[in-house]
Amino acid sequence: MKKSLILVASLALALPALTATSVQAQSRHHHHHTVCRDVRVKHIGSKDEHRLIGTGIGALAGGLLGHQVGGGKGKTLATVGGAVAGGYVGNRVQKHAQDKKTYYTTERRCHEVYD
């Protein structure tokens, strides 16, 4: 019984010291710090970033105008050519309108880095 009591008392005294050593060893190897940087963020004046609406409307209008020109196979070619040209022009018009509404801000972004 005496030996058991001595063993339990020894463990009770040693356990906090072992735990403290273990926590110190872990904390020495897991340092971290915060890294921040300023980021320039572009805010586009429209949700249609790819300008699909301007391209589609331009292509439709160009195709309709091209269809009014020529006859036979020339009419088909004029329709397709008008749609392509109209799509390009519509895309550029929407880009110009969006560029007027586009602005930039600077945001600070931070994250933790662990060594």
C-alpha atoms as a PDB file:
ATOM      1  CA  MET A   1       0.000   0.000   0.000  1.00  0.00           C
ATOM      2  CA  LYS A   2       2.856   2.348   0.878  1.00  0.00           C
ATOM      3  CA  LYS A   3       4.499   1.756  -2.511  1.00  0.00           C
ATOM      4  CA  SER A   4       1.207   2.470  -4.331  1.00  0.00           C
ATOM      5  CA  LEU A   5       0.753   5.683  -2.381  1.00  0.00           C
ATOM      6  CA  ILE A   6       4.296   6.808  -3.209  1.00  0.00           C
ATOM      7  CA  LEU A   7       3.754   5.989  -6.919  1.00  0.00           C
ATOM      8  CA  VAL A   8       0.455   7.950  -7.039  1.00  0.00           C
ATOM      9  CA  ALA A   9       2.026  10.905  -5.214  1.00  0.00           C
ATOM     10  CA  SER A  10       5.005  10.877  -7.601  1.00  0.00           C
ATOM     11  CA  LEU A  11       2.734  10.865 -10.641  1.00  0.00           C
ATOM     12  CA  ALA A  12       0.598  13.638  -9.183  1.00  0.00           C
ATOM     13  CA  LEU A  13       3.701  15.803  -8.758  1.00  0.00           C
ATOM     14  CA  ALA A  14       5.228  14.903 -12.145  1.00  0.00           C
ATOM     15  CA  LEU A  15       2.104  15.269 -14.305  1.00  0.00           C
ATOM     16  CA  PRO A  16       1.851  19.097 -14.195  1.00  0.00           C
ATOM     17  CA  ALA A  17       5.558  19.397 -15.014  1.00  0.00           C
ATOM     18  CA  LEU A  18       5.217  17.004 -17.980  1.00  0.00           C
ATOM     19  CA  THR A  19       2.138  18.829 -19.276  1.00  0.00           C
ATOM     20  CA  ALA A  20       3.837  22.249 -19.003  1.00  0.00           C
ATOM     21  CA  THR A  21       6.875  20.943 -20.894  1.00  0.00           C
ATOM     22  CA  SER A  22       4.629  19.510 -23.595  1.00  0.00           C
ATOM     23  CA  VAL A  23       2.710  22.804 -24.008  1.00  0.00           C
ATOM     24  CA  GLN A  24       5.968  24.797 -24.140  1.00  0.00           C
ATOM     25  CA  ALA A  25       7.388  22.470 -26.797  1.00  0.00           C
ATOM     26  CA  GLN A  26       4.242  22.834 -28.901  1.00  0.00           C
ATOM     27  CA  SER A  27       4.066  26.604 -28.598  1.00  0.00           C
ATOM     28  CA  ARG A  28       7.715  26.982 -29.602  1.00  0.00           C
ATOM     29  CA  HIS A  29       6.988  25.295 -32.922  1.00  0.00           C
ATOM     30  CA  HIS A  30       3.688  26.984 -33.809  1.00  0.00           C
ATOM     31  CA  HIS A  31       4.370  30.700 -34.055  1.00  0.00           C
ATOM     32  CA  HIS A  32       2.066  32.735 -36.211  1.00  0.00           C
ATOM     33  CA  HIS A  33       1.739  36.314 -37.242  1.00  0.00           C
ATOM     34  CA  THR A  34      -0.664  38.397 -39.268  1.00  0.00           C
ATOM     35  CA  VAL A  35       0.294  39.561 -42.737  1.00  0.00           C
ATOM     36  CA  CYS A  36      -1.690  42.422 -44.262  1.00  0.00           C
ATOM     37  CA  ARG A  37      -1.512  44.062 -47.662  1.00  0.00           C
ATOM     38  CA  ASP A  38      -3.441  46.718 -49.521  1.00  0.00           C
ATOM     39  CA  VAL A  39      -5.240  45.400 -52.595  1.00  0.00           C
ATOM     40  CA  ARG A  40      -6.678  47.491 -55.432  1.00  0.00           C
ATOM     41  CA  VAL A  41     -10.213  46.271 -56.154  1.00  0.00           C
ATOM     42  CA  LYS A  42     -12.053  47.025 -59.392  1.00  0.00           C
ATOM     43  CA  HIS A  43     -15.804  47.627 -59.119  1.00  0.00           C
ATOM     44  CA  ILE A  44     -17.490  47.217 -62.493  1.00  0.00           C
ATOM     45  CA  GLY A  45     -20.510  49.416 -63.140  1.00  0.00           C
ATOM     46  CA  SER A  46     -22.602  46.445 -64.273  1.00  0.00           C
ATOM     47  CA  LYS A  47     -23.208  42.838 -63.323  1.00  0.00           C
ATOM     48  CA  ASP A  48     -22.849  41.873 -67.009  1.00  0.00           C
ATOM     49  CA  GLU A  49     -19.050  41.693 -66.880  1.00  0.00           C
ATOM     50  CA  HIS A  50     -18.760  39.931 -70.268  1.00  0.00           C
ATOM     51  CA  ARG A  51     -21.106  42.429 -71.946  1.00  0.00           C
ATOM     52  CA  LEU A  52     -23.437  39.713 -73.230  1.00  0.00           C
ATOM     53  CA  ILE A  53     -26.455  42.025 -73.340  1.00  0.00           C
ATOM     54  CA  GLY A  54     -24.731  44.619 -75.551  1.00  0.00           C
ATOM     55  CA  THR A  55     -23.300  41.906 -77.788  1.00  0.00           C
ATOM     56  CA  GLY A  56     -26.667  40.162 -78.148  1.00  0.00           C
ATOM     57  CA  ILE A  57     -28.661  43.317 -78.881  1.00  0.00           C
ATOM     58  CA  GLY A  58     -26.010  44.505 -81.336  1.00  0.00           C
ATOM     59  CA  ALA A  59     -25.947  41.140 -83.117  1.00  0.00           C
ATOM     60  CA  LEU A  60     -29.734  41.092 -83.399  1.00  0.00           C
ATOM     61  CA  ALA A  61     -29.875  44.644 -84.758  1.00  0.00           C
ATOM     62  CA  GLY A  62     -26.964  44.023 -87.153  1.00  0.00           C
ATOM     63  CA  GLY A  63     -28.529  40.786 -88.388  1.00  0.00           C
ATOM     64  CA  LEU A  64     -31.863  42.505 -89.044  1.00  0.00           C
ATOM     65  CA  LEU A  65     -30.174  45.339 -90.935  1.00  0.00           C
ATOM     66  CA  GLY A  66     -28.008  42.910 -92.921  1.00  0.00           C
ATOM     67  CA  HIS A  67     -31.075  40.883 -93.839  1.00  0.00           C
ATOM     68  CA  GLN A  68     -32.508  43.959 -95.577  1.00  0.00           C
ATOM     69  CA  VAL A  69     -29.560  44.003 -97.987  1.00  0.00           C
ATOM     70  CA  GLY A  70     -28.979  41.820-101.043  1.00  0.00           C
ATOM     71  CA  GLY A  71     -30.796  38.772-102.286  1.00  0.00           C
ATOM     72  CA  GLY A  72     -30.279  35.001-102.435  1.00  0.00           C
ATOM     73  CA  LYS A  73     -27.000  33.797-100.944  1.00  0.00           C
ATOM     74  CA  GLY A  74     -25.892  37.422-100.619  1.00  0.00           C
ATOM     75  CA  LYS A  75     -28.784  38.037 -98.230  1.00  0.00           C
ATOM     76  CA  THR A  76     -27.567  35.202 -95.954  1.00  0.00           C
ATOM     77  CA  LEU A  77     -24.017  36.517 -96.052  1.00  0.00           C
ATOM     78  CA  ALA A  78     -25.218  40.066 -95.327  1.00  0.00           C
ATOM     79  CA  THR A  79     -27.331  38.804 -92.393  1.00  0.00           C
ATOM     80  CA  VAL A  80     -24.409  36.887 -90.848  1.00  0.00           C
ATOM     81  CA  GLY A  81     -21.962  39.733 -91.500  1.00  0.00           C
ATOM     82  CA  GLY A  82     -24.404  42.246 -90.012  1.00  0.00           C
ATOM     83  CA  ALA A  83     -24.883  40.084 -86.921  1.00  0.00           C
ATOM     84  CA  VAL A  84     -21.111  39.752 -86.385  1.00  0.00           C
ATOM     85  CA  ALA A  85     -20.457  43.456 -86.918  1.00  0.00           C
ATOM     86  CA  GLY A  86     -23.475  44.431 -84.809  1.00  0.00           C
ATOM     87  CA  GLY A  87     -22.369  42.129 -81.984  1.00  0.00           C
ATOM     88  CA  TYR A  88     -18.922  43.712 -81.954  1.00  0.00           C
ATOM     89  CA  VAL A  89     -20.308  47.254 -81.977  1.00  0.00           C
ATOM     90  CA  GLY A  90     -22.840  46.414 -79.237  1.00  0.00           C
ATOM     91  CA  ASN A  91     -20.071  44.926 -77.086  1.00  0.00           C
ATOM     92  CA  ARG A  92     -17.910  48.056 -77.482  1.00  0.00           C
ATOM     93  CA  VAL A  93     -20.827  50.394 -76.719  1.00  0.00           C
ATOM     94  CA  GLN A  94     -21.617  48.500 -73.501  1.00  0.00           C
ATOM     95  CA  LYS A  95     -17.911  48.444 -72.537  1.00  0.00           C
ATOM     96  CA  HIS A  96     -17.705  52.226 -72.926  1.00  0.00           C
ATOM     97  CA  ALA A  97     -20.820  52.695 -70.767  1.00  0.00           C
ATOM     98  CA  GLN A  98     -19.454  50.312 -68.095  1.00  0.00           C
ATOM     99  CA  ASP A  99     -16.036  51.991 -68.063  1.00  0.00           C
ATOM    100  CA  LYS A 100     -17.698  55.279 -67.139  1.00  0.00           C
ATOM    101  CA  LYS A 101     -19.276  53.600 -64.090  1.00  0.00           C
ATOM    102  CA  THR A 102     -16.219  51.569 -63.071  1.00  0.00           C
ATOM    103  CA  TYR A 103     -14.232  52.669 -60.024  1.00  0.00           C
ATOM    104  CA  TYR A 104     -11.437  51.348 -57.842  1.00  0.00           C
ATOM    105  CA  THR A 105     -11.016  51.109 -54.080  1.00  0.00           C
ATOM    106  CA  THR A 106      -8.162  49.965 -51.895  1.00  0.00           C
ATOM    107  CA  GLU A 107      -8.940  47.287 -49.350  1.00  0.00           C
ATOM    108  CA  ARG A 108      -6.694  45.978 -46.591  1.00  0.00           C
ATOM    109  CA  ARG A 109      -6.683  42.169 -46.579  1.00  0.00           C
ATOM    110  CA  CYS A 110      -5.059  40.221 -43.750  1.00  0.00           C
ATOM    111  CA  HIS A 111      -4.386  36.544 -43.094  1.00  0.00           C
ATOM    112  CA  GLU A 112      -2.546  34.468 -40.514  1.00  0.00           C
ATOM    113  CA  VAL A 113       0.810  32.906 -41.386  1.00  0.00           C
ATOM    114  CA  TYR A 114       2.054  29.958 -39.322  1.00  0.00           C
ATOM    115  CA  ASP A 115       5.762  29.212 -39.073  1.00  0.00           C
END
